N, C-alpha and C. Protein backbone atom coordinates (compact mmCIF):
# COMPACT_ATOMS: atom_id res chain seq x y z
N MET A 1 4.57 45.47 1.71
CA MET A 1 3.53 46.90 2.12
C MET A 1 2.08 46.45 2.02
N ARG A 2 1.18 47.18 3.01
CA ARG A 2 -0.02 46.72 3.13
C ARG A 2 -0.76 47.96 2.68
N PHE A 3 -1.89 48.02 1.78
CA PHE A 3 -2.53 49.32 1.47
C PHE A 3 -4.15 49.11 1.58
N GLN A 4 -4.83 50.23 1.96
CA GLN A 4 -6.07 49.79 2.10
C GLN A 4 -6.94 49.90 0.73
N VAL A 5 -7.70 48.95 0.58
CA VAL A 5 -8.50 49.17 -0.84
C VAL A 5 -9.89 49.19 -0.31
N ILE A 6 -10.52 49.99 -1.05
CA ILE A 6 -12.12 50.23 -1.18
C ILE A 6 -12.74 49.50 -2.40
N PHE A 7 -13.56 48.32 -2.04
CA PHE A 7 -14.36 47.71 -2.86
C PHE A 7 -15.76 48.01 -3.01
N THR A 8 -16.39 48.41 -4.22
CA THR A 8 -17.45 48.98 -4.66
C THR A 8 -18.25 48.15 -5.41
N TYR A 9 -19.35 47.61 -5.22
CA TYR A 9 -20.18 46.88 -6.07
C TYR A 9 -20.90 47.91 -7.37
N ASP A 10 -20.55 47.34 -8.53
CA ASP A 10 -21.37 48.38 -9.52
C ASP A 10 -22.35 47.50 -10.25
N SER A 11 -23.46 48.01 -10.09
CA SER A 11 -24.88 46.97 -10.43
C SER A 11 -24.81 47.20 -12.03
N GLU A 12 -24.02 48.32 -12.58
CA GLU A 12 -24.54 48.42 -14.22
C GLU A 12 -23.26 47.41 -14.58
N TYR A 13 -22.06 47.42 -14.04
CA TYR A 13 -20.92 46.54 -14.47
C TYR A 13 -21.27 45.12 -13.86
N LYS A 14 -21.73 44.88 -13.09
CA LYS A 14 -22.17 43.50 -12.53
C LYS A 14 -20.76 42.99 -11.70
N GLY A 15 -20.09 43.75 -11.01
CA GLY A 15 -18.85 43.69 -10.59
C GLY A 15 -18.28 44.51 -9.39
N TYR A 16 -17.12 44.14 -9.24
CA TYR A 16 -16.53 45.21 -8.09
C TYR A 16 -15.43 46.10 -8.94
N VAL A 17 -15.65 47.43 -8.07
CA VAL A 17 -14.34 48.55 -8.48
C VAL A 17 -13.37 48.50 -7.32
N ALA A 18 -12.29 48.34 -7.29
CA ALA A 18 -11.46 48.67 -6.43
C ALA A 18 -10.79 49.86 -6.42
N ASP A 19 -10.46 50.48 -5.44
CA ASP A 19 -9.77 51.95 -5.50
C ASP A 19 -8.96 51.81 -4.26
N VAL A 20 -7.61 52.40 -4.49
CA VAL A 20 -6.29 52.51 -3.53
C VAL A 20 -6.40 53.71 -3.20
N PRO A 21 -6.79 54.45 -1.99
CA PRO A 21 -6.83 55.82 -1.76
C PRO A 21 -5.52 56.49 -1.49
N GLN A 22 -4.71 55.66 -0.79
CA GLN A 22 -3.14 55.85 -0.96
C GLN A 22 -2.32 56.18 -2.34
N LEU A 23 -3.27 55.63 -3.31
CA LEU A 23 -2.23 55.60 -4.67
C LEU A 23 -3.32 56.36 -5.54
N PRO A 24 -3.07 57.53 -5.72
CA PRO A 24 -4.03 58.35 -6.67
C PRO A 24 -4.13 57.86 -8.08
N GLY A 25 -5.30 57.15 -8.38
CA GLY A 25 -5.53 56.64 -9.84
C GLY A 25 -5.55 55.42 -9.84
N CYS A 26 -5.04 54.48 -8.87
CA CYS A 26 -4.88 53.18 -8.60
C CYS A 26 -6.14 52.35 -8.72
N MET A 27 -6.71 51.83 -9.75
CA MET A 27 -7.83 51.57 -9.45
C MET A 27 -8.15 50.17 -10.53
N SER A 28 -8.80 49.04 -10.07
CA SER A 28 -9.04 47.89 -10.89
C SER A 28 -10.40 47.69 -10.70
N GLU A 29 -10.80 46.59 -11.37
CA GLU A 29 -12.08 45.90 -11.31
C GLU A 29 -12.13 44.29 -11.49
N GLY A 30 -13.17 43.66 -11.29
CA GLY A 30 -13.26 42.46 -11.50
C GLY A 30 -14.81 41.84 -11.16
N LYS A 31 -15.30 41.03 -11.84
CA LYS A 31 -16.54 40.42 -11.96
C LYS A 31 -16.97 39.60 -10.41
N PRO A 32 -16.14 38.54 -10.42
CA PRO A 32 -16.42 38.37 -8.95
C PRO A 32 -15.36 38.93 -7.98
N LEU A 33 -15.62 39.15 -6.80
CA LEU A 33 -14.74 39.64 -5.74
C LEU A 33 -13.42 39.07 -5.89
N ASP A 34 -13.09 37.81 -5.90
CA ASP A 34 -11.82 37.55 -6.06
C ASP A 34 -10.77 37.89 -7.05
N GLU A 35 -11.72 38.07 -8.16
CA GLU A 35 -10.97 38.58 -9.52
C GLU A 35 -10.60 39.96 -9.17
N ALA A 36 -11.45 40.69 -8.39
CA ALA A 36 -11.16 42.22 -8.42
C ALA A 36 -9.98 42.02 -7.33
N ILE A 37 -9.72 41.34 -6.26
CA ILE A 37 -8.74 41.36 -5.25
C ILE A 37 -7.50 41.04 -6.18
N GLU A 38 -7.37 40.08 -6.96
CA GLU A 38 -6.25 39.63 -7.72
C GLU A 38 -5.78 41.01 -8.79
N ASN A 39 -6.78 41.70 -9.31
CA ASN A 39 -6.43 42.40 -10.46
C ASN A 39 -5.95 43.89 -9.61
N ILE A 40 -6.31 44.34 -8.54
CA ILE A 40 -6.09 45.37 -7.86
C ILE A 40 -4.49 45.19 -7.33
N ARG A 41 -4.33 43.88 -6.85
CA ARG A 41 -2.92 43.23 -6.53
C ARG A 41 -2.08 43.75 -7.53
N ASP A 42 -2.23 43.37 -8.74
CA ASP A 42 -1.58 43.63 -9.80
C ASP A 42 -1.41 44.98 -9.96
N ALA A 43 -2.53 45.88 -9.96
CA ALA A 43 -2.32 47.44 -10.32
C ALA A 43 -1.63 47.94 -9.52
N ILE A 44 -1.65 47.74 -8.01
CA ILE A 44 -0.69 48.00 -7.07
C ILE A 44 0.72 47.82 -7.31
N LYS A 45 0.98 46.46 -7.76
CA LYS A 45 2.46 46.27 -8.04
C LYS A 45 3.10 47.01 -9.33
N GLY A 46 1.95 47.28 -10.39
CA GLY A 46 2.41 48.10 -11.24
C GLY A 46 2.49 49.65 -11.25
N TYR A 47 1.68 50.07 -10.39
CA TYR A 47 1.89 51.27 -9.91
C TYR A 47 3.29 51.76 -9.07
N LEU A 48 3.58 50.75 -8.40
CA LEU A 48 4.91 50.85 -7.37
C LEU A 48 5.84 50.89 -8.45
N TYR A 49 6.00 49.92 -9.38
CA TYR A 49 7.10 49.80 -10.50
C TYR A 49 7.12 51.08 -11.30
N VAL A 50 6.22 51.55 -11.50
CA VAL A 50 6.32 52.98 -12.15
C VAL A 50 6.92 53.89 -11.54
N GLN A 51 6.36 54.09 -10.26
CA GLN A 51 6.77 55.09 -9.14
C GLN A 51 8.53 54.83 -9.10
N GLU A 52 8.80 53.65 -8.93
CA GLU A 52 10.08 53.42 -8.88
C GLU A 52 11.10 53.93 -9.93
N LYS A 53 10.21 53.32 -11.04
CA LYS A 53 11.19 53.48 -12.53
C LYS A 53 11.37 55.03 -12.68
N HIS A 54 10.66 55.94 -12.18
CA HIS A 54 10.79 57.31 -12.38
C HIS A 54 11.34 58.11 -11.16
N GLY A 55 11.90 57.54 -10.37
CA GLY A 55 12.64 57.72 -9.37
C GLY A 55 11.71 58.59 -8.11
N ARG A 56 10.73 58.13 -7.90
CA ARG A 56 9.78 58.79 -7.00
C ARG A 56 9.70 57.89 -5.87
N SER A 57 9.79 58.38 -4.78
CA SER A 57 9.93 57.59 -3.30
C SER A 57 8.26 57.53 -2.98
N LEU A 58 7.80 56.46 -2.50
CA LEU A 58 6.32 56.51 -2.08
C LEU A 58 6.49 56.32 -0.46
N GLU A 59 5.83 57.26 0.06
CA GLU A 59 5.59 57.62 1.57
C GLU A 59 4.37 57.01 2.04
N PRO A 60 4.38 55.77 2.19
CA PRO A 60 3.04 55.44 2.84
C PRO A 60 2.28 56.17 3.97
N LYS A 61 1.14 56.48 3.81
CA LYS A 61 0.52 57.13 4.77
C LYS A 61 0.07 56.08 5.78
N GLU A 62 0.18 56.61 7.14
CA GLU A 62 -0.41 55.49 7.94
C GLU A 62 -1.78 56.02 8.30
N GLY A 63 -2.91 55.24 8.74
CA GLY A 63 -4.13 55.60 9.17
C GLY A 63 -5.05 54.89 9.24
N THR A 64 -6.08 54.98 9.85
CA THR A 64 -7.11 53.87 9.99
C THR A 64 -8.56 54.41 9.02
N ALA A 65 -8.97 53.51 8.43
CA ALA A 65 -10.20 54.47 7.80
C ALA A 65 -11.40 53.15 8.43
N PHE A 66 -12.47 53.81 8.39
CA PHE A 66 -13.46 52.94 8.52
C PHE A 66 -14.64 53.24 7.46
N ILE A 67 -15.40 52.21 6.81
CA ILE A 67 -16.25 52.59 5.53
C ILE A 67 -17.53 51.64 6.36
N GLY A 68 -18.28 52.35 6.36
CA GLY A 68 -19.79 51.36 6.58
C GLY A 68 -20.95 52.08 6.10
N GLU A 69 -21.96 51.61 6.30
CA GLU A 69 -23.29 51.96 5.83
C GLU A 69 -24.41 52.20 7.17
N VAL A 70 -24.98 53.29 6.83
CA VAL A 70 -26.22 53.74 7.46
C VAL A 70 -27.52 53.37 7.02
N ALA A 71 -28.51 52.69 7.30
CA ALA A 71 -29.80 52.50 6.83
C ALA A 71 -30.69 53.63 7.47
N VAL A 72 -31.65 54.38 6.66
CA VAL A 72 -32.27 55.26 7.11
C VAL A 72 -33.84 54.90 6.48
């Protein structure tokens, strides 16, 4: 399965926060981006394990998102 992940740099934490919009509450973080990627991968696996253990099926939502920035 593939999931879209939003990585945001947090200047107070001095690292990245990762959020998976398709999985409510599934978030993680890491100081370098590589660590954030590995941590969110583990968080997704854990999320899916808990869903399966409780008999909840996951209906992946198809969709395309674009995140960008605009300078003003």
